[in-house]
Protein backbone atom coordinates (compact mmCIF):
# COMPACT_ATOMS: atom_id res chain seq x y z
CA MET A 1 110.25 114.32 122.52
CA GLY A 2 108.72 117.15 120.47
CA ALA A 3 105.52 116.96 118.44
CA MET A 4 107.46 116.76 115.17
CA ALA A 5 109.54 113.80 116.39
CA SER A 6 106.37 112.06 117.63
CA ASN A 7 104.71 112.48 114.23
CA LEU A 8 107.74 110.96 112.50
CA GLU A 9 107.69 107.94 114.81
CA TRP A 10 103.94 107.43 114.30
CA LYS A 11 104.36 107.65 110.54
CA LYS A 12 107.27 105.21 110.59
CA GLY A 13 105.23 102.73 112.61
CA SER A 14 102.21 102.95 110.31
CA ALA A 15 103.85 103.38 106.89
CA GLU A 16 103.33 99.79 105.76
CA LEU A 17 99.68 99.86 106.81
CA LEU A 18 99.11 103.14 104.95
CA ILE A 19 100.66 101.89 101.72
CA LEU A 20 98.92 98.51 101.81
CA SER A 21 95.60 100.24 102.53
CA VAL A 22 95.96 102.58 99.55
CA LEU A 23 96.69 99.61 97.30
CA GLU A 24 93.74 97.57 98.55
CA ALA A 25 91.33 98.97 95.94
CA ARG A 26 93.57 98.80 92.87
CA PRO A 27 97.16 98.98 91.59
CA ARG A 28 98.83 102.40 91.76
CA HIS A 29 102.22 103.93 91.03
CA GLY A 30 104.44 105.41 93.74
CA TYR A 31 103.66 109.08 93.13
CA GLU A 32 99.92 108.33 93.18
CA ILE A 33 100.29 106.40 96.46
CA SER A 34 102.05 109.35 98.10
CA LYS A 35 99.47 111.86 96.82
CA ILE A 36 96.52 109.78 98.07
CA ILE A 37 98.07 109.50 101.53
CA GLU A 38 98.71 113.24 101.59
CA GLN A 39 95.18 114.09 100.38
CA LYS A 40 93.32 111.67 102.67
CA SER A 41 95.34 112.81 105.68
CA GLU A 42 94.58 116.45 104.80
CA GLY A 43 98.29 117.13 104.42
CA LYS A 44 99.26 115.75 107.84
CA LEU A 45 101.11 112.76 106.34
CA SER A 46 103.40 112.78 103.35
CA PHE A 47 106.08 110.54 101.94
CA HIS A 48 109.16 111.78 100.16
CA VAL A 49 110.71 109.81 97.34
CA ALA A 50 113.74 109.04 99.51
CA SER A 51 111.58 107.12 101.99
CA LEU A 52 108.65 105.90 99.86
CA TYR A 53 110.45 103.96 97.15
CA PRO A 54 112.79 102.00 99.45
CA LEU A 55 109.69 101.01 101.45
CA LEU A 56 107.87 99.90 98.29
CA TYR A 57 110.90 97.82 97.27
CA ARG A 58 111.03 96.27 100.75
CA LEU A 59 107.33 95.35 100.62
CA GLU A 60 107.87 93.87 97.17
CA ASN A 61 110.83 91.80 98.46
CA ARG A 62 108.57 90.45 101.22
CA ASP A 63 106.09 89.40 98.51
CA TRP A 64 103.38 91.69 99.89
CA LEU A 65 103.39 93.75 96.67
CA LYS A 66 104.01 92.94 93.04
CA GLY A 67 105.31 95.69 90.80
CA HIS A 68 105.30 95.95 87.03
CA TRP A 69 106.44 98.66 84.64
CA VAL A 70 103.90 100.39 82.41
CA GLU A 71 104.85 102.51 79.42
CA ARG A 72 102.36 104.82 77.75
CA ALA A 73 102.91 107.04 74.74
CA GLY A 74 103.79 110.57 75.75
CA GLN A 75 104.29 109.63 79.41
CA ARG A 76 107.24 108.50 81.43
CA ARG A 77 107.51 104.86 82.42
CA ARG A 78 105.85 104.11 85.78
CA ARG A 79 106.02 101.16 88.14
CA TYR A 80 102.57 100.09 89.32
CA TYR A 81 102.21 98.12 92.53
CA ARG A 82 99.40 95.76 93.50
CA LEU A 83 98.75 93.73 96.63
CA THR A 84 99.60 90.05 96.49
CA ARG A 85 97.59 87.39 98.31
CA ALA A 86 100.16 87.53 101.13
CA GLY A 87 99.88 91.34 101.16
CA ARG A 88 96.11 91.13 101.60
CA ARG A 89 96.55 88.80 104.58
CA VAL A 90 99.12 91.14 106.14
CA LEU A 91 96.85 94.13 105.53
CA ALA A 92 93.90 92.44 107.24
CA SER A 93 96.08 91.54 110.22
CA GLN A 94 97.58 95.05 110.44
CA GLN A 95 94.15 96.70 110.18
CA GLN A 96 92.84 94.58 113.04
CA GLY A 97 95.95 95.24 115.14
CA TRP A 98 95.77 98.98 114.42
CA GLN A 99 92.09 99.14 115.40
CA GLN A 100 92.84 97.38 118.70
CA PHE A 101 95.76 99.74 119.34
CA VAL A 102 93.68 102.87 118.65
CA GLU A 103 90.86 101.63 120.89
CA ALA A 104 93.33 100.91 123.72
CA VAL A 105 94.96 104.34 123.41
CA ASN A 106 91.53 106.01 123.36
CA ARG A 107 90.53 104.18 126.55
CA ILE A 108 93.66 105.44 128.27
CA THR A 109 93.65 108.99 126.92
CA GLY A 110 89.91 109.52 127.10
CA GLY A 111 89.55 109.72 123.34
CA VAL A 112 86.32 108.78 121.60
CA THR A 113 86.01 105.14 120.58
CA GLU A 114 84.13 104.02 117.49
CA ALA A 115 81.46 102.39 119.70
CA GLU A 116 80.78 105.75 121.33
CA ASN A 117 80.29 107.39 117.93
CA VAL A 118 77.38 105.09 117.05
């Protein structure tokens, strides 16, 4: 498997965690979510409309997100998403699971663990 295919698989496996994490602080609209992920990952991760919005709808159907439309004068209508109580529980669980996964991979690959950084 090439590096590009690996990156796509990693992104697919972490997409929910990334989106929930971005929404932890406050509600955001889809375009803003994608831009934050792209900026914070220094351009290494990006979501295209064709994959982002179906994922947002799926998370909303699971009751992890709640969306509402906002209309402002002179701007196009945007759908803002916020975490629900269930979404916050899922996020906490996924963050813990992700941390354990990263630590395990680092132990195997010889990567630096957070404890070693302190």
